[in-house]
C-alpha cells in the first residue's frame, strides 16, 4: 500500500456554476393583519404583489422550474424605483441558480413610502417564499431550498436591516448603499445577528456613507460582518439606468470615477462567493470570499468574518492501522472518496478501505462554516482479479445481484455511476447476494477485492 498526500480543491463539485434560463411569475401575497400595499388577488388585508424570477427549463412566464432546489433572495427596491430597475440583479443570480423575489410595495412618491411596512413586507415575502416549497398547488412545490437572504438597495437596503432584525429565518442580509430609514435602520441593525454585508460607493452623495452605510454597518451585532467601499462608486450603479435615481445622483454625487458595469463587476466579485457559501453551502466559496474581500480590485474593505482553520487527515493507530480522522473536532463531518460523498460516513474518523486505492477527503462543519481537508490518496498495490475468478449475475437485475467467487472472503464496494459509495461490506461466502431493489434504475459498479487482488464490474438496475 502506498500513501500519497496531494493538495487540490474539489473542482468538479464547487467550480461548476450552471447557467439557467430565466423564468418569471407574479404572486400577490397577503397579510391579513395590515392594510394597503400594492396589487390585487391576494385576499383581504395588505396586498404584496411580488415579481419572482427563477431558474427555468426555458425562458418565459410561468414556465417549469429547472431540475433541483434553489435558495431564495428577496430584494427591496430603492426610493421611487421599481423592481424592473434591477434586471441586472435577477439576470445575474437566476443564471447562477437562485430564486429572486421583488416586492412591489412602497414604490410611490405621494404619499411617501412607509419604511416600516416595506421592511415587514420583505420579511413576510421571504418567509412565504420558503413556505411555497410544501404548497402542492405552487410551481415552486419541492423546488425551494430552505435557505434565504434579504438584499436591498438604498431605501430597500435600510428596510432589509429592518427585516433582518431578530429574524432567524434568513442566512444573511446585504445592503447596497443602505439608507437610514424611519423607523431607524441604524437602531434595527443592533438586533441583526445574522451575517451582514454592506456595499458602499465612496462617491455616493445620495446616501453619504458617513451618515448611512457606515453607521448601519457599525451598529450590526453580527459576529460575521463585512463592509465594502467601492472606490469612486456611485449610489445608483447597483441598478440599471433609472431616471429617478440618476436624476438625484446627478445633483448630489461628486467624483464618480468608474462605470456602472465596473461597479457591478466589483460587487459581484465579492457577493457571488458569499451567497454561494451562505445559501448553497459551498465550502470553498468561503475561502474565495475571504480572498475577494482582501483583494478585489477597486475596493477598500473591512471584514470581521473569521478565517476557518486548516484541517488535515491523520492516522489514529489506537483505533486501527486503517482508521483516519479529521485533525480538528467540528460540529459534523462528511467523508468523500474520489470527490463523491460516502453515504453514512459522517463521523470524525473513518476506517478507510486503503487496499482498494482511492483519494479521500473529509468535510468538517464548524459553527461559522465548513472546510475541506487536504486529500489523502492511496494506491492499492493489488493485482486484478480475472472474470473467471469472480462472476456477477444476473445483469441486468431488479431485486438482487449475486457475487460468485472462488475465494471464501471478499470485500466489495457498491458505487453509482458518479463514483458515490452506496454500500461497503465484507462477506465470508463464495456466493453472496446484494439486495438492489431500493436503488434507482441505472448503471452501477461493484469493486470486489480478496485482499490481494481486485476487479470492478458493471451492472444495470432495471
Protein backbone atom coordinates (compact mmCIF):
# COMPACT_ATOMS: atom_id res chain seq x y z
CA UNK A 1 0.00 0.00 0.00
CA UNK A 2 1.32 3.42 -0.96
CA UNK A 3 0.10 6.64 0.69
CA UNK A 4 0.29 9.99 -1.09
CA UNK A 5 -0.81 13.45 0.09
CA UNK A 6 -1.92 15.86 -2.62
CA UNK A 7 -3.23 19.41 -2.44
CA UNK A 8 -6.13 20.49 -4.65
CA UNK A 9 -9.73 21.65 -4.42
CA UNK A 10 -12.79 19.64 -5.34
CA UNK A 11 -13.08 21.45 -8.64
CA UNK A 12 -15.77 19.28 -10.26
CA UNK A 13 -18.10 19.90 -7.34
CA UNK A 14 -17.51 23.52 -6.47
CA UNK A 15 -16.34 25.44 -9.51
CA UNK A 16 -19.04 24.47 -11.96
CA UNK A 17 -21.82 27.05 -12.00
CA UNK A 18 -24.82 26.04 -14.08
CA UNK A 19 -26.27 28.76 -16.32
CA UNK A 20 -30.06 28.63 -16.10
CA UNK A 21 -32.77 30.22 -18.22
CA UNK A 22 -34.89 32.92 -16.56
CA UNK A 23 -38.50 32.10 -15.73
CA UNK A 24 -40.94 34.65 -14.30
CA UNK A 25 -44.21 34.62 -12.41
CA UNK A 26 -46.21 37.08 -10.30
CA UNK A 27 -47.68 36.23 -6.90
CA UNK A 28 -49.64 38.58 -4.65
CA UNK A 29 -49.05 37.60 -1.06
CA UNK A 30 -51.39 38.75 1.68
CA UNK A 31 -51.02 39.97 5.24
CA UNK A 32 -54.46 39.94 6.88
CA UNK A 33 -53.15 41.93 9.85
CA UNK A 34 -52.35 45.04 7.78
CA UNK A 35 -53.91 47.14 5.03
CA UNK A 36 -52.67 48.85 1.91
CA UNK A 37 -49.79 47.59 -0.18
CA UNK A 38 -49.81 47.09 -3.93
CA UNK A 39 -51.55 44.56 -6.17
CA UNK A 40 -54.70 42.54 -6.09
CA UNK A 41 -55.77 38.95 -5.86
CA UNK A 42 -54.09 38.08 -2.59
CA UNK A 43 -57.18 38.25 -0.41
CA UNK A 44 -58.28 40.77 2.22
CA UNK A 45 -55.66 42.74 4.11
CA UNK A 46 -52.40 44.09 2.79
CA UNK A 47 -51.54 43.14 -0.79
CA UNK A 48 -47.86 42.41 -1.52
CA UNK A 49 -47.54 41.88 -5.27
CA UNK A 50 -44.21 40.19 -5.92
CA UNK A 51 -42.36 39.66 -9.19
CA UNK A 52 -40.45 36.38 -9.00
CA UNK A 53 -37.64 35.29 -11.29
CA UNK A 54 -36.36 31.72 -11.13
CA UNK A 55 -34.15 29.10 -12.81
CA UNK A 56 -36.23 27.54 -15.57
CA UNK A 57 -36.07 24.91 -18.28
CA UNK A 58 -36.90 27.56 -20.87
CA UNK A 59 -37.21 31.33 -20.57
CA UNK A 60 -40.70 32.77 -20.19
CA UNK A 61 -43.67 33.45 -17.91
CA UNK A 62 -44.99 30.66 -15.67
CA UNK A 63 -42.69 28.06 -17.24
CA UNK A 64 -41.49 24.99 -15.34
CA UNK A 65 -38.56 25.34 -12.98
CA UNK A 66 -35.27 23.67 -13.80
CA UNK A 67 -34.31 20.45 -12.05
CA UNK A 68 -33.11 20.86 -8.47
CA UNK A 69 -33.83 23.06 -5.45
CA UNK A 70 -32.84 26.72 -5.24
CA UNK A 71 -32.29 29.25 -2.42
CA UNK A 72 -34.39 32.42 -2.22
CA UNK A 73 -33.23 36.04 -2.36
CA UNK A 74 -35.84 38.68 -1.51
CA UNK A 75 -34.86 42.10 -2.89
CA UNK A 76 -36.00 45.55 -1.77
CA UNK A 77 -36.04 48.38 -4.32
CA UNK A 78 -34.85 51.93 -3.76
CA UNK A 79 -36.91 55.07 -3.18
CA UNK A 80 -39.10 55.99 -6.19
CA UNK A 81 -37.68 53.00 -8.07
CA UNK A 82 -39.43 49.91 -9.42
CA UNK A 83 -38.39 46.29 -9.44
CA UNK A 84 -37.59 46.41 -13.16
CA UNK A 85 -34.61 48.69 -12.50
CA UNK A 86 -32.84 45.60 -11.15
CA UNK A 87 -32.95 43.26 -14.12
CA UNK A 88 -29.15 43.13 -13.90
CA UNK A 89 -29.56 41.52 -10.46
CA UNK A 90 -32.07 38.85 -11.42
CA UNK A 91 -30.38 38.01 -14.71
CA UNK A 92 -27.05 37.51 -12.94
CA UNK A 93 -28.31 35.47 -10.00
CA UNK A 94 -31.05 33.41 -11.62
CA UNK A 95 -28.43 32.18 -14.08
CA UNK A 96 -26.38 31.06 -11.08
CA UNK A 97 -29.24 29.08 -9.54
CA UNK A 98 -31.11 31.48 -7.25
CA UNK A 99 -34.76 32.48 -6.99
CA UNK A 100 -35.25 36.28 -6.83
CA UNK A 101 -38.41 37.81 -5.31
CA UNK A 102 -39.12 41.55 -5.75
CA UNK A 103 -41.99 43.01 -3.67
CA UNK A 104 -43.57 45.97 -5.49
CA UNK A 105 -44.95 47.75 -2.44
CA UNK A 106 -43.97 51.27 -1.24
CA UNK A 107 -42.85 52.43 -4.67
CA UNK A 108 -44.72 55.75 -4.86
CA UNK A 109 -43.72 59.35 -4.21
CA UNK A 110 -47.04 60.64 -2.85
CA UNK A 111 -47.88 59.53 -0.29
CA UNK A 112 -44.35 58.81 0.76
CA UNK A 113 -43.35 55.20 1.34
CA UNK A 114 -43.64 53.54 4.73
CA UNK A 115 -40.22 52.15 5.56
CA UNK A 116 -41.60 50.05 8.39
CA UNK A 117 -44.21 48.42 6.17
CA UNK A 118 -41.62 47.79 3.48
CA UNK A 119 -39.32 46.05 5.97
CA UNK A 120 -42.21 43.87 7.14
CA UNK A 121 -43.10 43.10 3.52
CA UNK A 122 -39.54 41.94 2.81
CA UNK A 123 -39.57 39.63 5.82
CA UNK A 124 -43.01 38.23 5.01
CA UNK A 125 -42.22 37.62 1.33
CA UNK A 126 -39.02 35.79 2.34
CA UNK A 127 -40.96 33.58 4.77
CA UNK A 128 -43.84 32.99 2.34
CA UNK A 129 -41.48 32.05 -0.47
CA UNK A 130 -39.84 29.40 1.72
CA UNK A 131 -43.29 28.04 2.60
CA UNK A 132 -44.17 27.54 -1.09
CA UNK A 133 -41.85 24.52 -1.09
CA UNK A 134 -44.64 22.49 0.53
CA UNK A 135 -47.55 24.04 -1.40
CA UNK A 136 -48.76 21.35 -3.78
CA UNK A 137 -50.56 23.90 -5.98
CA UNK A 138 -47.49 26.09 -6.49
CA UNK A 139 -44.94 25.82 -9.31
CA UNK A 140 -42.36 26.13 -6.51
CA UNK A 141 -43.54 22.98 -4.73
CA UNK A 142 -40.46 20.91 -3.91
CA UNK A 143 -38.19 23.42 -5.64
CA UNK A 144 -37.12 25.77 -2.85
CA UNK A 145 -34.02 25.08 -0.79
CA UNK A 146 -34.72 26.28 2.73
CA UNK A 147 -32.04 28.97 2.65
CA UNK A 148 -32.87 32.65 2.28
CA UNK A 149 -31.23 36.07 2.07
CA UNK A 150 -32.68 39.58 2.09
CA UNK A 151 -30.94 42.18 -0.08
CA UNK A 152 -31.93 45.79 -0.68
CA UNK A 153 -30.77 48.97 -2.38
CA UNK A 154 -30.96 52.45 -0.86
CA UNK A 155 -34.34 52.65 0.92
CA UNK A 156 -34.67 48.91 0.33
CA UNK A 157 -31.21 48.43 1.84
CA UNK A 158 -32.27 50.13 5.06
CA UNK A 159 -35.56 48.24 5.02
CA UNK A 160 -33.57 44.99 4.63
CA UNK A 161 -32.00 45.64 8.03
CA UNK A 162 -35.47 46.31 9.44
CA UNK A 163 -36.49 42.92 8.01
CA UNK A 164 -33.39 41.17 9.35
CA UNK A 165 -33.73 42.41 12.95
CA UNK A 166 -34.49 39.46 15.25
CA UNK A 167 -35.04 37.33 12.15
CA UNK A 168 -33.81 33.74 12.45
CA UNK A 169 -35.23 32.61 9.09
CA UNK A 170 -32.52 34.13 6.90
CA UNK A 171 -28.87 33.26 6.43
CA UNK A 172 -27.61 36.75 5.60
CA UNK A 173 -28.63 40.36 4.95
CA UNK A 174 -26.97 42.56 2.32
CA UNK A 175 -27.33 46.31 1.83
CA UNK A 176 -26.41 48.14 -1.38
CA UNK A 177 -25.89 51.77 -0.26
CA UNK A 178 -28.40 51.21 2.56
CA UNK A 179 -30.26 54.36 3.62
CA UNK A 180 -31.23 55.33 7.14
CA UNK A 181 -34.98 54.84 7.50
CA UNK A 182 -37.89 55.70 9.76
CA UNK A 183 -38.05 53.59 11.93
CA UNK A 184 -34.27 53.64 12.13
CA UNK A 185 -32.28 51.03 10.21
CA UNK A 186 -29.28 52.02 12.35
CA UNK A 187 -31.18 51.12 15.51
CA UNK A 188 -32.61 47.95 13.95
CA UNK A 189 -29.13 46.78 12.92
CA UNK A 190 -28.28 46.39 16.61
CA UNK A 191 -30.77 43.48 16.60
CA UNK A 192 -29.32 41.87 13.47
CA UNK A 193 -27.29 38.80 14.39
CA UNK A 194 -27.13 37.03 11.02
CA UNK A 195 -24.03 37.64 8.85
CA UNK A 196 -24.21 41.03 7.11
CA UNK A 197 -22.59 42.72 4.12
CA UNK A 198 -22.76 46.43 3.40
CA UNK A 199 -21.71 47.77 -0.02
CA UNK A 200 -20.87 51.45 -0.31
CA UNK A 201 -19.71 53.76 -3.10
CA UNK A 202 -17.13 56.30 -1.98
CA UNK A 203 -18.65 58.96 -4.30
CA UNK A 204 -22.25 58.37 -3.15
CA UNK A 205 -23.85 61.76 -2.45
CA UNK A 206 -27.42 60.48 -2.27
CA UNK A 207 -26.84 58.48 0.92
CA UNK A 208 -23.40 59.65 2.09
CA UNK A 209 -21.56 56.68 3.61
CA UNK A 210 -20.67 58.52 6.83
CA UNK A 211 -24.33 59.16 7.60
CA UNK A 212 -25.93 55.99 6.27
CA UNK A 213 -23.85 52.95 5.27
CA UNK A 214 -21.16 53.13 7.93
CA UNK A 215 -23.49 53.67 10.95
CA UNK A 216 -25.71 50.79 9.82
CA UNK A 217 -22.67 48.53 9.45
CA UNK A 218 -21.17 49.60 12.78
CA UNK A 219 -24.46 49.04 14.59
CA UNK A 220 -24.95 45.48 13.32
CA UNK A 221 -24.46 42.87 16.04
CA UNK A 222 -23.42 40.20 13.55
CA UNK A 223 -20.39 38.15 14.59
CA UNK A 224 -19.54 37.99 10.87
CA UNK A 225 -19.96 41.27 9.01
CA UNK A 226 -18.11 42.99 6.18
CA UNK A 227 -18.00 46.50 4.72
CA UNK A 228 -17.12 47.02 1.04
CA UNK A 229 -16.23 50.53 -0.15
CA UNK A 230 -16.06 50.76 -3.93
CA UNK A 231 -13.59 53.50 -4.81
CA UNK A 232 -15.28 56.13 -6.99
CA UNK A 233 -18.52 54.17 -6.80
CA UNK A 234 -21.97 55.73 -7.15
CA UNK A 235 -25.28 55.34 -5.37
CA UNK A 236 -27.37 54.23 -8.34
CA UNK A 237 -24.89 51.98 -10.14
CA UNK A 238 -26.03 48.81 -8.35
CA UNK A 239 -29.11 49.01 -10.58
CA UNK A 240 -29.68 49.67 -14.25
CA UNK A 241 -30.13 53.20 -15.55
CA UNK A 242 -33.16 54.69 -13.78
CA UNK A 243 -34.45 58.24 -14.30
CA UNK A 244 -35.45 58.99 -10.71
CA UNK A 245 -32.31 57.60 -9.12
CA UNK A 246 -29.94 59.01 -11.74
CA UNK A 247 -31.55 62.48 -11.51
CA UNK A 248 -30.95 62.55 -7.76
CA UNK A 249 -27.41 61.31 -8.21
CA UNK A 250 -26.57 63.92 -10.85
CA UNK A 251 -27.46 66.67 -8.41
CA UNK A 252 -25.62 65.29 -5.38
CA UNK A 253 -22.80 62.84 -6.13
CA UNK A 254 -19.34 64.14 -6.95
CA UNK A 255 -16.20 62.41 -8.20
CA UNK A 256 -17.80 59.27 -9.61
CA UNK A 257 -14.81 57.70 -11.37
CA UNK A 258 -16.00 54.26 -12.51
CA UNK A 259 -18.68 52.98 -14.84
CA UNK A 260 -21.90 51.26 -13.87
CA UNK A 261 -20.56 47.98 -15.31
CA UNK A 262 -17.32 48.28 -13.33
CA UNK A 263 -19.22 48.88 -10.08
CA UNK A 264 -21.45 45.88 -10.66
CA UNK A 265 -18.47 43.68 -11.52
CA UNK A 266 -16.73 44.69 -8.28
CA UNK A 267 -19.93 43.93 -6.34
CA UNK A 268 -20.44 40.51 -7.92
CA UNK A 269 -16.78 39.60 -7.31
CA UNK A 270 -17.44 39.67 -3.56
CA UNK A 271 -21.14 38.87 -3.35
CA UNK A 272 -21.08 35.78 -5.63
CA UNK A 273 -18.87 33.62 -3.39
CA UNK A 274 -20.61 34.92 -0.27
CA UNK A 275 -24.04 33.81 -1.49
CA UNK A 276 -22.65 30.52 -2.79
CA UNK A 277 -21.27 29.86 0.69
CA UNK A 278 -24.18 31.07 2.81
CA UNK A 279 -27.10 29.88 0.67
CA UNK A 280 -25.66 26.86 -1.14
CA UNK A 281 -23.20 25.62 1.48
CA UNK A 282 -20.26 25.54 -0.94
CA UNK A 283 -17.34 25.37 1.46
CA UNK A 284 -14.63 26.53 -0.92
CA UNK A 285 -16.68 29.64 -1.70
CA UNK A 286 -15.95 30.95 1.80
CA UNK A 287 -12.23 30.98 1.10
CA UNK A 288 -12.94 32.70 -2.22
CA UNK A 289 -15.00 35.32 -0.38
CA UNK A 290 -12.24 36.00 2.16
CA UNK A 291 -9.74 36.33 -0.68
CA UNK A 292 -12.04 38.68 -2.60
CA UNK A 293 -12.74 40.84 0.45
CA UNK A 294 -8.99 41.29 0.85
CA UNK A 295 -8.00 41.82 -2.77
CA UNK A 296 -10.96 42.75 -5.01
CA UNK A 297 -9.65 45.50 -7.35
CA UNK A 298 -11.16 48.93 -6.85
CA UNK A 299 -12.43 48.32 -3.32
CA UNK A 300 -11.32 49.12 0.21
CA UNK A 301 -12.77 46.57 2.57
CA UNK A 302 -13.12 45.53 6.18
CA UNK A 303 -14.30 42.18 7.45
CA UNK A 304 -14.81 40.71 10.89
CA UNK A 305 -15.63 37.29 9.43
CA UNK A 306 -13.19 34.72 10.85
CA UNK A 307 -10.92 32.56 8.77
CA UNK A 308 -11.66 28.86 9.01
CA UNK A 309 -8.98 26.52 10.37
CA UNK A 310 -6.88 24.17 8.28
CA UNK A 311 -7.94 20.53 8.56
CA UNK A 312 -5.66 17.57 7.86
CA UNK A 313 -6.31 13.83 7.89
CA UNK A 314 -4.35 11.91 10.49
CA UNK A 315 -3.96 8.20 11.16
CA UNK A 316 -5.14 7.03 14.58
CA UNK A 317 -3.18 3.84 15.34
CA UNK A 318 -5.04 3.46 18.64
CA UNK A 319 -8.18 2.66 16.65
CA UNK A 320 -6.52 0.63 13.88
CA UNK A 321 -3.98 0.99 11.11
CA UNK A 322 -6.65 1.98 8.56
CA UNK A 323 -8.56 4.41 10.79
CA UNK A 324 -8.08 8.03 9.75
CA UNK A 325 -9.56 11.10 11.43
CA UNK A 326 -10.07 14.81 10.97
CA UNK A 327 -7.32 16.63 12.83
CA UNK A 328 -9.92 19.01 14.32
CA UNK A 329 -13.22 18.40 16.02
CA UNK A 330 -16.18 20.05 14.29
CA UNK A 331 -19.94 20.10 14.62
CA UNK A 332 -20.37 17.43 11.92
CA UNK A 333 -18.46 15.68 9.12
CA UNK A 334 -18.79 14.19 5.66
CA UNK A 335 -16.19 11.88 4.11
CA UNK A 336 -15.54 11.78 0.35
CA UNK A 337 -13.99 9.20 -1.95
CA UNK A 338 -12.74 10.45 -5.32
CA UNK A 339 -14.72 13.70 -4.91
CA UNK A 340 -18.01 11.93 -4.10
CA UNK A 341 -19.69 11.80 -0.66
CA UNK A 342 -19.59 8.40 1.04
CA UNK A 343 -23.08 7.53 2.23
CA UNK A 344 -23.27 7.23 6.02
CA UNK A 345 -19.67 8.25 6.74
CA UNK A 346 -20.36 11.31 8.89
CA UNK A 347 -18.09 10.74 11.91
CA UNK A 348 -14.79 12.36 12.78
CA UNK A 349 -12.97 9.11 11.92
CA UNK A 350 -13.34 6.68 9.03
CA UNK A 351 -11.98 3.18 8.55
CA UNK A 352 -10.65 3.74 5.03
CA UNK A 353 -10.55 0.64 2.75
CA UNK A 354 -7.00 1.56 1.76
CA UNK A 355 -6.30 -1.56 -0.29
CA UNK A 356 -8.89 -0.55 -2.88
CA UNK A 357 -6.93 2.59 -3.80
CA UNK A 358 -8.66 6.00 -3.95
CA UNK A 359 -8.42 9.63 -2.86
CA UNK A 360 -10.23 10.59 0.35
CA UNK A 361 -11.19 13.90 1.93
CA UNK A 362 -13.25 14.96 4.91
CA UNK A 363 -15.53 17.99 5.02
CA UNK A 364 -15.71 19.48 8.53
CA UNK A 365 -18.56 21.77 9.56
CA UNK A 366 -17.88 24.40 12.20
CA UNK A 367 -20.27 26.89 13.78
CA UNK A 368 -19.42 29.59 11.23
CA UNK A 369 -18.85 27.47 8.14
CA UNK A 370 -17.25 24.41 6.66
CA UNK A 371 -13.85 23.46 5.27
CA UNK A 372 -12.32 20.54 3.35
CA UNK A 373 -9.21 18.72 4.48
CA UNK A 374 -6.29 18.12 2.18
CA UNK A 375 -6.79 14.99 0.07
CA UNK A 376 -5.11 11.74 1.04
CA UNK A 377 -4.51 9.25 -1.79
CA UNK A 378 -3.92 5.52 -1.52
CA UNK A 379 -2.68 3.21 -4.27
CA UNK A 380 -3.77 -0.33 -3.72
CA UNK A 381 -0.86 -2.38 -4.98
CA UNK A 382 -3.42 -5.08 -5.81
CA UNK A 383 -3.39 -7.17 -8.93
CA UNK A 384 -6.52 -7.56 -11.00
CA UNK A 385 -8.86 -10.44 -10.41
CA UNK A 386 -9.98 -12.16 -13.57
CA UNK A 387 -13.57 -12.55 -14.72
CA UNK A 388 -13.16 -16.30 -14.28
CA UNK A 389 -12.40 -15.80 -10.58
CA UNK A 390 -15.37 -13.50 -9.93
CA UNK A 391 -18.80 -13.64 -11.58
CA UNK A 392 -21.63 -11.13 -11.22
CA UNK A 393 -25.18 -12.04 -12.24
CA UNK A 394 -27.92 -11.50 -13.32
CA UNK A 395 -27.22 -8.45 -15.45
CA UNK A 396 -29.50 -6.53 -15.87
CA UNK A 397 -31.01 -7.13 -12.42
CA UNK A 398 -34.04 -5.95 -10.47
CA UNK A 399 -34.11 -7.37 -6.93
CA UNK A 400 -30.67 -8.90 -6.29
CA UNK A 401 -27.26 -9.29 -7.87
CA UNK A 402 -25.08 -12.24 -6.96
CA UNK A 403 -21.30 -12.22 -6.49
CA UNK A 404 -19.77 -15.64 -7.08
CA UNK A 405 -16.08 -16.01 -6.26
CA UNK A 406 -13.53 -18.79 -5.83
CA UNK A 407 -12.45 -17.06 -2.59
CA UNK A 408 -14.06 -17.64 0.80
CA UNK A 409 -13.59 -14.00 1.88
CA UNK A 410 -14.08 -10.88 -0.22
CA UNK A 411 -14.69 -7.15 0.28
CA UNK A 412 -16.85 -5.11 -2.05
CA UNK A 413 -17.88 -1.51 -2.69
CA UNK A 414 -21.15 -0.72 -4.48
CA UNK A 415 -20.92 2.62 -6.31
CA UNK A 416 -23.21 4.61 -8.57
CA UNK A 417 -22.11 5.88 -11.96
CA UNK A 418 -20.67 9.06 -10.37
CA UNK A 419 -18.44 7.03 -8.06
CA UNK A 420 -20.55 7.66 -4.95
CA UNK A 421 -20.23 4.82 -2.44
CA UNK A 422 -23.66 3.32 -1.72
CA UNK A 423 -22.62 0.25 0.26
CA UNK A 424 -19.38 -1.24 1.59
CA UNK A 425 -19.31 -4.75 3.01
CA UNK A 426 -17.32 -7.92 3.65
CA UNK A 427 -18.60 -11.44 3.02
CA UNK A 428 -17.31 -14.86 4.09
CA UNK A 429 -19.01 -16.95 1.46
CA UNK A 430 -18.19 -17.84 -2.11
CA UNK A 431 -21.71 -16.80 -3.12
CA UNK A 432 -23.17 -13.53 -1.83
CA UNK A 433 -26.47 -11.80 -2.68
CA UNK A 434 -26.75 -8.00 -2.68
CA UNK A 435 -30.25 -6.53 -2.49
CA UNK A 436 -30.70 -3.71 -5.01
CA UNK A 437 -34.50 -3.33 -5.01
CA UNK A 438 -34.32 0.15 -3.44
CA UNK A 439 -31.79 1.50 -5.95
CA UNK A 440 -32.89 3.83 -8.71
CA UNK A 441 -32.76 2.49 -12.22
CA UNK A 442 -29.39 2.98 -13.86
CA UNK A 443 -25.81 1.78 -14.13
CA UNK A 444 -23.78 0.77 -11.05
CA UNK A 445 -20.29 -0.53 -10.33
CA UNK A 446 -19.06 -3.18 -7.89
CA UNK A 447 -15.39 -3.11 -6.87
CA UNK A 448 -14.53 -6.55 -5.45
CA UNK A 449 -11.31 -7.44 -3.61
CA UNK A 450 -9.93 -10.56 -1.92
CA UNK A 451 -7.19 -8.59 -0.10
CA UNK A 452 -4.57 -9.31 -2.75
CA UNK A 453 -6.45 -8.76 -6.00
CA UNK A 454 -9.41 -6.71 -7.17
CA UNK A 455 -11.81 -6.27 -10.08
CA UNK A 456 -14.55 -3.75 -10.94
CA UNK A 457 -17.70 -4.97 -12.64
CA UNK A 458 -20.65 -3.03 -14.01
CA UNK A 459 -24.33 -3.94 -13.89
CA UNK A 460 -27.66 -2.35 -14.78
CA UNK A 461 -30.54 -1.94 -12.29
CA UNK A 462 -33.86 -2.24 -14.14
